[in-house]
C-alpha atoms as a PDB file:
ATOM      1  CA  MET A   1      -5.908 -53.218 -52.981  1.00  0.00           C
ATOM      2  CA  GLU A   2      -5.879 -56.044 -50.431  1.00  0.00           C
ATOM      3  CA  SER A   3      -9.068 -56.990 -48.619  1.00  0.00           C
ATOM      4  CA  CYS A   4      -9.263 -56.433 -44.872  1.00  0.00           C
ATOM      5  CA  LYS A   5     -11.648 -56.567 -41.955  1.00  0.00           C
ATOM      6  CA  VAL A   6     -13.773 -53.500 -41.409  1.00  0.00           C
ATOM      7  CA  TYR A   7     -15.178 -53.584 -37.883  1.00  0.00           C
ATOM      8  CA  VAL A   8     -18.659 -52.088 -37.606  1.00  0.00           C
ATOM      9  CA  ASP A   9     -21.245 -51.277 -34.961  1.00  0.00           C
ATOM     10  CA  VAL A  10     -24.264 -53.582 -35.304  1.00  0.00           C
ATOM     11  CA  ASP A  11     -27.814 -53.371 -34.028  1.00  0.00           C
ATOM     12  CA  ALA A  12     -28.947 -56.935 -33.362  1.00  0.00           C
ATOM     13  CA  THR A  13     -31.810 -58.776 -31.705  1.00  0.00           C
ATOM     14  CA  PHE A  14     -31.932 -61.977 -29.718  1.00  0.00           C
ATOM     15  CA  THR A  15     -35.023 -63.966 -30.673  1.00  0.00           C
ATOM     16  CA  LYS A  16     -37.062 -65.850 -28.074  1.00  0.00           C
ATOM     17  CA  ASP A  17     -35.438 -69.082 -29.275  1.00  0.00           C
ATOM     18  CA  GLY A  18     -31.951 -67.658 -28.601  1.00  0.00           C
ATOM     19  CA  ARG A  19     -30.790 -66.762 -32.118  1.00  0.00           C
ATOM     20  CA  LEU A  20     -28.756 -63.578 -32.636  1.00  0.00           C
ATOM     21  CA  LEU A  21     -29.979 -61.651 -35.700  1.00  0.00           C
ATOM     22  CA  PRO A  22     -28.338 -58.471 -37.021  1.00  0.00           C
ATOM     23  CA  ARG A  23     -30.785 -55.741 -38.068  1.00  0.00           C
ATOM     24  CA  SER A  24     -28.459 -52.969 -39.267  1.00  0.00           C
ATOM     25  CA  PHE A  25     -24.852 -51.814 -39.109  1.00  0.00           C
ATOM     26  CA  ILE A  26     -23.039 -48.495 -39.247  1.00  0.00           C
ATOM     27  CA  TRP A  27     -20.242 -48.124 -41.806  1.00  0.00           C
ATOM     28  CA  THR A  28     -17.040 -46.189 -41.050  1.00  0.00           C
ATOM     29  CA  ASP A  29     -18.463 -43.011 -42.648  1.00  0.00           C
ATOM     30  CA  GLY A  30     -21.470 -43.097 -40.291  1.00  0.00           C
ATOM     31  CA  HIS A  31     -23.985 -44.398 -42.858  1.00  0.00           C
ATOM     32  CA  ARG A  32     -26.461 -46.913 -41.427  1.00  0.00           C
ATOM     33  CA  TYR A  33     -27.271 -49.918 -43.610  1.00  0.00           C
ATOM     34  CA  GLU A  34     -30.507 -51.752 -42.930  1.00  0.00           C
ATOM     35  CA  ILE A  35     -30.475 -55.528 -43.326  1.00  0.00           C
ATOM     36  CA  GLN A  36     -33.581 -56.501 -45.281  1.00  0.00           C
ATOM     37  CA  ARG A  37     -33.151 -60.226 -44.718  1.00  0.00           C
ATOM     38  CA  VAL A  38     -30.764 -62.790 -43.256  1.00  0.00           C
ATOM     39  CA  LYS A  39     -30.613 -65.645 -45.775  1.00  0.00           C
ATOM     40  CA  HIS A  40     -28.219 -68.011 -44.028  1.00  0.00           C
ATOM     41  CA  ILE A  41     -26.204 -68.351 -40.818  1.00  0.00           C
ATOM     42  CA  CYS A  42     -23.253 -70.717 -40.431  1.00  0.00           C
ATOM     43  CA  ARG A  43     -19.860 -70.948 -38.798  1.00  0.00           C
ATOM     44  CA  ALA A  44     -17.280 -70.048 -41.436  1.00  0.00           C
ATOM     45  CA  ALA A  45     -13.950 -68.412 -42.157  1.00  0.00           C
ATOM     46  CA  SER A  46     -13.595 -65.189 -44.088  1.00  0.00           C
ATOM     47  CA  LEU A  47     -11.514 -66.190 -47.096  1.00  0.00           C
ATOM     48  CA  LYS A  48     -10.878 -62.551 -48.073  1.00  0.00           C
ATOM     49  CA  ALA A  49     -10.052 -60.972 -44.704  1.00  0.00           C
ATOM     50  CA  GLY A  50      -9.137 -63.887 -42.447  1.00  0.00           C
ATOM     51  CA  GLY A  51     -10.753 -64.792 -39.171  1.00  0.00           C
ATOM     52  CA  VAL A  52     -13.512 -67.175 -38.247  1.00  0.00           C
ATOM     53  CA  GLY A  53     -16.893 -66.867 -36.602  1.00  0.00           C
ATOM     54  CA  MET A  54     -20.566 -66.868 -37.461  1.00  0.00           C
ATOM     55  CA  ARG A  55     -21.142 -65.749 -41.043  1.00  0.00           C
ATOM     56  CA  TYR A  56     -24.448 -64.037 -41.732  1.00  0.00           C
ATOM     57  CA  THR A  57     -25.408 -63.959 -45.398  1.00  0.00           C
ATOM     58  CA  CYS A  58     -27.540 -60.830 -45.589  1.00  0.00           C
ATOM     59  CA  ILE A  59     -29.506 -58.868 -48.153  1.00  0.00           C
ATOM     60  CA  ILE A  60     -28.515 -55.191 -47.897  1.00  0.00           C
ATOM     61  CA  ASP A  61     -29.812 -52.667 -50.445  1.00  0.00           C
ATOM     62  CA  GLY A  62     -30.947 -55.609 -52.585  1.00  0.00           C
ATOM     63  CA  LYS A  63     -27.465 -57.178 -52.711  1.00  0.00           C
ATOM     64  CA  GLU A  64     -26.025 -60.207 -50.946  1.00  0.00           C
ATOM     65  CA  SER A  65     -23.278 -59.463 -48.426  1.00  0.00           C
ATOM     66  CA  HIS A  66     -21.513 -61.286 -45.594  1.00  0.00           C
ATOM     67  CA  LEU A  67     -21.403 -59.978 -42.044  1.00  0.00           C
ATOM     68  CA  TYR A  68     -19.227 -61.860 -39.541  1.00  0.00           C
ATOM     69  CA  TYR A  69     -19.576 -62.173 -35.774  1.00  0.00           C
ATOM     70  CA  GLU A  70     -16.187 -63.245 -34.428  1.00  0.00           C
ATOM     71  CA  ASP A  71     -15.526 -65.295 -31.317  1.00  0.00           C
ATOM     72  CA  ASN A  72     -14.202 -62.097 -29.672  1.00  0.00           C
ATOM     73  CA  ASN A  73     -17.766 -60.633 -29.873  1.00  0.00           C
ATOM     74  CA  MET A  74     -16.887 -58.150 -32.632  1.00  0.00           C
ATOM     75  CA  TRP A  75     -18.656 -57.718 -35.982  1.00  0.00           C
ATOM     76  CA  PHE A  76     -16.892 -57.130 -39.300  1.00  0.00           C
ATOM     77  CA  VAL A  77     -17.461 -57.014 -43.043  1.00  0.00           C
ATOM     78  CA  GLU A  78     -14.849 -57.650 -45.701  1.00  0.00           C
ATOM     79  CA  GLY A  79     -13.450 -54.366 -46.977  1.00  0.00           C
ATOM     80  CA  ARG A  80     -11.214 -53.569 -49.936  1.00  0.00           C
END
């Protein structure tokens, strides 16, 4: 099956120094996933789903995952 963008609702915080940090997101089935840690933030393209924006490399349930914040102010993860 081809990968695609899965748009999700995200709870995020702006820090006092102006950084935007995601804290959790809600998957399409309504399950909330807590982000234990944000390891890295950079501007990057999604090679699997297309699109470009800020890529957040996150630890979710002990696994590394990418969450993207597009220039259109929408969040997505790469789905399959």
